[in-house]
Amino acid sequence: MQIQVNYGDVEVSPTLSEHVIDRVNHALKHRQERVTRVEVHLRDDKSKRKGQSDRRCVMEARLAGCDPLAVTHRGDDIYDTVNRAAEKLARAISHRLGRNGKTNHSH
């Protein structure tokens, strides 16, 4: 499984890069054989608007034999936002593939 991290306007750091890769690998550990690629997009929308939940993480997974899946999470802390997006992605993939790991065509 290939993981690509796009930082947008978030400051690039080795610690954040390692965190993103670790969280994606951990969240998808039971489905890695079906996931060919995950793209992670990190943004800090603070400069564009005021208020809470300024950090945004979008994760898009490409699954063998399926259309891509994408999830988004917004939050105040970029690390927590990555954690929650990875959890959402794992749930979305499990839902798409079903219990047996095969594509769920019922939706």
Protein backbone atom coordinates (compact mmCIF):
# COMPACT_ATOMS: atom_id res chain seq x y z
CA MET A 1 0.00 0.00 0.00
CA GLN A 2 1.36 3.35 -1.03
CA ILE A 3 0.72 6.42 1.17
CA GLN A 4 1.13 9.93 -0.20
CA VAL A 5 0.88 12.95 2.11
CA ASN A 6 0.06 16.38 0.66
CA TYR A 7 0.56 19.21 3.12
CA GLY A 8 -1.25 22.13 1.50
CA ASP A 9 -0.65 25.00 3.91
CA VAL A 10 0.29 22.82 6.91
CA GLU A 11 3.93 22.98 7.99
CA VAL A 12 5.82 19.87 6.91
CA SER A 13 7.60 18.02 9.71
CA PRO A 14 9.10 14.54 10.03
CA THR A 15 7.04 13.98 13.19
CA LEU A 16 3.77 14.76 11.42
CA SER A 17 4.74 12.65 8.41
CA GLU A 18 5.52 9.67 10.63
CA HIS A 19 2.26 10.16 12.53
CA VAL A 20 0.17 10.19 9.35
CA ILE A 21 1.83 7.06 7.95
CA ASP A 22 1.59 5.24 11.29
CA ARG A 23 -2.10 6.08 11.74
CA VAL A 24 -3.04 5.06 8.19
CA ASN A 25 -1.12 1.78 8.47
CA HIS A 26 -2.65 1.04 11.88
CA ALA A 27 -6.20 1.87 10.80
CA LEU A 28 -6.00 -0.20 7.62
CA LYS A 29 -3.88 -3.10 8.89
CA HIS A 30 -6.63 -5.66 8.23
CA ARG A 31 -7.43 -4.35 4.74
CA GLN A 32 -3.99 -3.48 3.34
CA GLU A 33 -4.13 -6.24 0.75
CA ARG A 34 -7.13 -4.53 -0.91
CA VAL A 35 -5.90 -0.92 -0.61
CA THR A 36 -3.44 0.06 -3.32
CA ARG A 37 -2.98 3.73 -2.42
CA VAL A 38 -4.02 6.30 0.19
CA GLU A 39 -3.70 10.02 -0.46
CA VAL A 40 -3.79 12.27 2.59
CA HIS A 41 -4.44 15.99 2.21
CA LEU A 42 -3.76 18.25 5.20
CA ARG A 43 -5.00 21.84 5.31
CA ASP A 44 -5.12 24.68 7.81
CA ASP A 45 -8.10 26.84 6.93
CA LYS A 46 -7.41 29.34 9.71
CA SER A 47 -6.20 32.00 7.31
CA LYS A 48 -9.45 31.80 5.34
CA ARG A 49 -11.99 32.01 8.15
CA LYS A 50 -12.33 32.45 11.87
CA GLY A 51 -13.67 29.93 14.31
CA GLN A 52 -12.96 26.44 15.53
CA SER A 53 -12.16 23.31 13.58
CA ASP A 54 -9.63 24.96 11.32
CA ARG A 55 -7.51 21.89 10.55
CA ARG A 56 -8.78 19.55 7.86
CA CYS A 57 -7.65 16.09 6.84
CA VAL A 58 -9.00 14.42 3.72
CA MET A 59 -8.06 10.79 3.09
CA GLU A 60 -8.78 9.09 -0.20
CA ALA A 61 -8.25 5.35 -0.58
CA ARG A 62 -7.98 3.49 -3.83
CA LEU A 63 -9.21 -0.07 -3.52
CA ALA A 64 -8.45 -2.85 -5.94
CA GLY A 65 -11.57 -3.37 -8.04
CA CYS A 66 -13.57 -0.53 -6.45
CA ASP A 67 -14.18 3.17 -6.88
CA PRO A 68 -12.08 5.41 -4.60
CA LEU A 69 -13.39 6.27 -1.13
CA ALA A 70 -12.81 9.64 0.54
CA VAL A 71 -13.42 10.87 4.08
CA THR A 72 -12.90 14.25 5.74
CA HIS A 73 -12.43 15.31 9.33
CA ARG A 74 -12.01 18.80 10.76
CA GLY A 75 -10.61 19.66 14.16
CA ASP A 76 -8.48 21.99 16.22
CA ASP A 77 -5.44 19.70 16.50
CA ILE A 78 -3.88 18.32 13.31
CA TYR A 79 -2.74 15.08 14.97
CA ASP A 80 -6.19 14.32 16.37
CA THR A 81 -7.74 15.28 13.03
CA VAL A 82 -5.50 12.73 11.29
CA ASN A 83 -6.44 10.07 13.87
CA ARG A 84 -10.17 10.62 13.38
CA ALA A 85 -9.91 10.71 9.58
CA ALA A 86 -8.00 7.40 9.63
CA GLU A 87 -10.73 5.85 11.81
CA LYS A 88 -13.41 7.11 9.42
CA LEU A 89 -11.51 5.71 6.45
CA ALA A 90 -11.18 2.30 8.10
CA ARG A 91 -14.94 2.21 8.79
CA ALA A 92 -15.77 3.30 5.23
CA ILE A 93 -13.51 0.61 3.75
CA SER A 94 -14.95 -2.07 6.03
CA HIS A 95 -18.45 -1.02 5.04
CA ARG A 96 -17.56 -1.05 1.35
CA LEU A 97 -15.86 -4.43 1.48
CA GLY A 98 -18.14 -6.10 4.00
CA ARG A 99 -17.07 -8.72 6.51
CA ASN A 100 -15.66 -11.17 4.00
CA GLY A 101 -13.39 -8.62 2.32
CA LYS A 102 -15.29 -8.69 -0.95
CA THR A 103 -16.93 -5.67 -2.52
CA ASN A 104 -20.30 -4.84 -1.02
CA HIS A 105 -22.54 -3.98 -3.99
CA SER A 106 -25.70 -3.48 -1.95
CA HIS A 107 -25.15 0.31 -1.65
